[in-house]
């Protein structure tokens, strides 16, 4: 194995560990945060970035195999669906009053939701 192969192994391992650490912090934040909107933020942003880092690390590790396309599809599907799901969860939580008003700095939906 050349020095480039060793460097790529270390790079892919570092990306996978960093992605796993982000996913772990997202999981801890989901358990610890007090309301649905905070949990939604923790469930989408670091979780998606962590998954993308893990997929990049796996792609570097598996270069030249057919599985790289599958990893690319998983990443694209996650990047396309996570914002839509987070929006729907946040909207539903707000409409069902499952948030804390004291934690909101700006309440832009207040006037729109109050009127039927």
C-alpha atoms as a PDB file:
ATOM      1  CA  UNK A   1       0.000   0.000   0.000  1.00  0.00           C
ATOM      2  CA  UNK A   2       1.356   3.396  -0.943  1.00  0.00           C
ATOM      3  CA  UNK A   3       1.353   6.513   1.171  1.00  0.00           C
ATOM      4  CA  UNK A   4      -1.662   7.786  -0.798  1.00  0.00           C
ATOM      5  CA  UNK A   5      -3.661   4.667   0.036  1.00  0.00           C
ATOM      6  CA  UNK A   6      -2.766   5.032   3.701  1.00  0.00           C
ATOM      7  CA  UNK A   7      -3.752   8.699   3.672  1.00  0.00           C
ATOM      8  CA  UNK A   8      -7.092   7.858   2.057  1.00  0.00           C
ATOM      9  CA  UNK A   9      -7.748   5.195   4.698  1.00  0.00           C
ATOM     10  CA  UNK A  10      -7.050   7.703   7.466  1.00  0.00           C
ATOM     11  CA  UNK A  11      -9.186  10.341   5.761  1.00  0.00           C
ATOM     12  CA  UNK A  12     -12.131   7.993   5.315  1.00  0.00           C
ATOM     13  CA  UNK A  13     -11.814   6.760   8.895  1.00  0.00           C
ATOM     14  CA  UNK A  14     -11.731  10.322  10.192  1.00  0.00           C
ATOM     15  CA  UNK A  15     -14.813  11.280   8.191  1.00  0.00           C
ATOM     16  CA  UNK A  16     -16.707   8.231   9.432  1.00  0.00           C
ATOM     17  CA  UNK A  17     -15.777   8.940  13.062  1.00  0.00           C
ATOM     18  CA  UNK A  18     -16.707  12.623  12.693  1.00  0.00           C
ATOM     19  CA  UNK A  19     -20.036  11.707  11.100  1.00  0.00           C
ATOM     20  CA  UNK A  20     -20.761   9.197  13.853  1.00  0.00           C
ATOM     21  CA  UNK A  21     -19.944  11.830  16.481  1.00  0.00           C
ATOM     22  CA  UNK A  22     -22.390  14.260  14.866  1.00  0.00           C
ATOM     23  CA  UNK A  23     -25.073  11.568  14.764  1.00  0.00           C
ATOM     24  CA  UNK A  24     -24.434  10.791  18.434  1.00  0.00           C
ATOM     25  CA  UNK A  25     -24.728  14.439  19.448  1.00  0.00           C
ATOM     26  CA  UNK A  26     -27.965  14.687  17.475  1.00  0.00           C
ATOM     27  CA  UNK A  27     -29.345  11.649  19.298  1.00  0.00           C
ATOM     28  CA  UNK A  28     -28.397  13.082  22.691  1.00  0.00           C
ATOM     29  CA  UNK A  29     -29.935  16.434  21.759  1.00  0.00           C
ATOM     30  CA  UNK A  30     -33.208  14.784  20.745  1.00  0.00           C
ATOM     31  CA  UNK A  31     -33.461  13.259  24.201  1.00  0.00           C
ATOM     32  CA  UNK A  32     -32.347  16.376  26.087  1.00  0.00           C
ATOM     33  CA  UNK A  33     -34.103  19.254  24.304  1.00  0.00           C
ATOM     34  CA  UNK A  34     -37.350  20.443  25.901  1.00  0.00           C
ATOM     35  CA  UNK A  35     -39.766  20.944  23.006  1.00  0.00           C
ATOM     36  CA  UNK A  36     -40.598  19.602  19.573  1.00  0.00           C
ATOM     37  CA  UNK A  37     -39.124  22.461  17.548  1.00  0.00           C
ATOM     38  CA  UNK A  38     -35.734  22.157  19.257  1.00  0.00           C
ATOM     39  CA  UNK A  39     -35.784  18.400  18.829  1.00  0.00           C
ATOM     40  CA  UNK A  40     -36.684  18.782  15.171  1.00  0.00           C
ATOM     41  CA  UNK A  41     -33.668  21.030  14.637  1.00  0.00           C
ATOM     42  CA  UNK A  42     -31.402  18.502  16.334  1.00  0.00           C
ATOM     43  CA  UNK A  43     -32.906  15.635  14.374  1.00  0.00           C
ATOM     44  CA  UNK A  44     -32.358  17.171  10.953  1.00  0.00           C
ATOM     45  CA  UNK A  45     -29.290  19.372  10.731  1.00  0.00           C
ATOM     46  CA  UNK A  46     -26.492  17.454  12.501  1.00  0.00           C
ATOM     47  CA  UNK A  47     -28.022  14.110  11.601  1.00  0.00           C
ATOM     48  CA  UNK A  48     -27.961  14.870   7.864  1.00  0.00           C
ATOM     49  CA  UNK A  49     -24.448  16.324   7.980  1.00  0.00           C
ATOM     50  CA  UNK A  50     -23.273  13.305   9.980  1.00  0.00           C
ATOM     51  CA  UNK A  51     -24.795  10.912   7.471  1.00  0.00           C
ATOM     52  CA  UNK A  52     -23.233  12.781   4.549  1.00  0.00           C
ATOM     53  CA  UNK A  53     -19.803  12.626   6.223  1.00  0.00           C
ATOM     54  CA  UNK A  54     -20.222   8.891   6.841  1.00  0.00           C
ATOM     55  CA  UNK A  55     -21.255   8.365   3.217  1.00  0.00           C
ATOM     56  CA  UNK A  56     -18.266  10.352   1.929  1.00  0.00           C
ATOM     57  CA  UNK A  57     -15.952   8.304   4.144  1.00  0.00           C
ATOM     58  CA  UNK A  58     -17.520   5.069   2.913  1.00  0.00           C
ATOM     59  CA  UNK A  59     -17.234   6.242  -0.693  1.00  0.00           C
ATOM     60  CA  UNK A  60     -13.520   6.927  -0.243  1.00  0.00           C
ATOM     61  CA  UNK A  61     -13.099   3.510   1.363  1.00  0.00           C
ATOM     62  CA  UNK A  62     -15.089   1.680  -1.351  1.00  0.00           C
ATOM     63  CA  UNK A  63     -13.760   3.561  -4.374  1.00  0.00           C
ATOM     64  CA  UNK A  64     -14.084   1.575  -7.551  1.00  0.00           C
ATOM     65  CA  UNK A  65     -16.970  -0.612  -6.407  1.00  0.00           C
ATOM     66  CA  UNK A  66     -20.572  -0.556  -7.576  1.00  0.00           C
ATOM     67  CA  UNK A  67     -21.766   0.304  -4.070  1.00  0.00           C
ATOM     68  CA  UNK A  68     -20.679   3.912  -4.500  1.00  0.00           C
ATOM     69  CA  UNK A  69     -23.796   4.642  -6.581  1.00  0.00           C
ATOM     70  CA  UNK A  70     -25.994   3.224  -3.847  1.00  0.00           C
ATOM     71  CA  UNK A  71     -24.306   5.477  -1.285  1.00  0.00           C
ATOM     72  CA  UNK A  72     -24.835   8.452  -3.587  1.00  0.00           C
ATOM     73  CA  UNK A  73     -28.541   7.623  -3.884  1.00  0.00           C
ATOM     74  CA  UNK A  74     -28.884   7.331  -0.099  1.00  0.00           C
ATOM     75  CA  UNK A  75     -27.235  10.731   0.344  1.00  0.00           C
ATOM     76  CA  UNK A  76     -29.403  12.414  -2.290  1.00  0.00           C
ATOM     77  CA  UNK A  77     -32.594  10.887  -0.891  1.00  0.00           C
ATOM     78  CA  UNK A  78     -31.706  12.101   2.594  1.00  0.00           C
ATOM     79  CA  UNK A  79     -30.849  15.602   1.391  1.00  0.00           C
ATOM     80  CA  UNK A  80     -34.153  15.808  -0.494  1.00  0.00           C
ATOM     81  CA  UNK A  81     -36.459  14.414   2.185  1.00  0.00           C
ATOM     82  CA  UNK A  82     -35.018  15.723   5.475  1.00  0.00           C
ATOM     83  CA  UNK A  83     -35.983  19.402   4.937  1.00  0.00           C
ATOM     84  CA  UNK A  84     -39.517  18.491   3.862  1.00  0.00           C
ATOM     85  CA  UNK A  85     -40.049  16.194   6.831  1.00  0.00           C
ATOM     86  CA  UNK A  86     -38.634  18.791   9.237  1.00  0.00           C
ATOM     87  CA  UNK A  87     -40.969  21.411   7.801  1.00  0.00           C
ATOM     88  CA  UNK A  88     -44.006  19.160   8.216  1.00  0.00           C
ATOM     89  CA  UNK A  89     -43.050  18.212  11.777  1.00  0.00           C
ATOM     90  CA  UNK A  90     -42.459  21.841  12.734  1.00  0.00           C
ATOM     91  CA  UNK A  91     -45.696  23.014  11.189  1.00  0.00           C
ATOM     92  CA  UNK A  92     -47.727  20.279  12.876  1.00  0.00           C
ATOM     93  CA  UNK A  93     -46.062  20.882  16.239  1.00  0.00           C
ATOM     94  CA  UNK A  94     -46.773  24.593  15.999  1.00  0.00           C
ATOM     95  CA  UNK A  95     -50.419  24.134  15.036  1.00  0.00           C
ATOM     96  CA  UNK A  96     -51.012  21.634  17.849  1.00  0.00           C
ATOM     97  CA  UNK A  97     -49.306  23.937  20.394  1.00  0.00           C
ATOM     98  CA  UNK A  98     -46.525  21.457  21.156  1.00  0.00           C
ATOM     99  CA  UNK A  99     -43.889  24.148  21.552  1.00  0.00           C
ATOM    100  CA  UNK A 100     -42.862  26.643  24.200  1.00  0.00           C
ATOM    101  CA  UNK A 101     -43.600  30.243  23.321  1.00  0.00           C
ATOM    102  CA  UNK A 102     -40.785  31.439  25.589  1.00  0.00           C
ATOM    103  CA  UNK A 103     -38.210  29.653  23.453  1.00  0.00           C
ATOM    104  CA  UNK A 104     -39.291  31.369  20.223  1.00  0.00           C
ATOM    105  CA  UNK A 105     -37.406  34.579  19.516  1.00  0.00           C
ATOM    106  CA  UNK A 106     -39.613  35.531  16.565  1.00  0.00           C
ATOM    107  CA  UNK A 107     -43.115  34.177  16.044  1.00  0.00           C
ATOM    108  CA  UNK A 108     -43.865  34.767  12.366  1.00  0.00           C
ATOM    109  CA  UNK A 109     -46.666  32.207  12.215  1.00  0.00           C
ATOM    110  CA  UNK A 110     -48.654  33.625  15.127  1.00  0.00           C
ATOM    111  CA  UNK A 111     -50.983  35.829  13.059  1.00  0.00           C
ATOM    112  CA  UNK A 112     -51.478  33.268  10.288  1.00  0.00           C
ATOM    113  CA  UNK A 113     -52.314  30.310  12.514  1.00  0.00           C
ATOM    114  CA  UNK A 114     -54.639  32.124  14.932  1.00  0.00           C
ATOM    115  CA  UNK A 115     -57.125  32.949  12.169  1.00  0.00           C
ATOM    116  CA  UNK A 116     -59.086  29.993  10.723  1.00  0.00           C
END
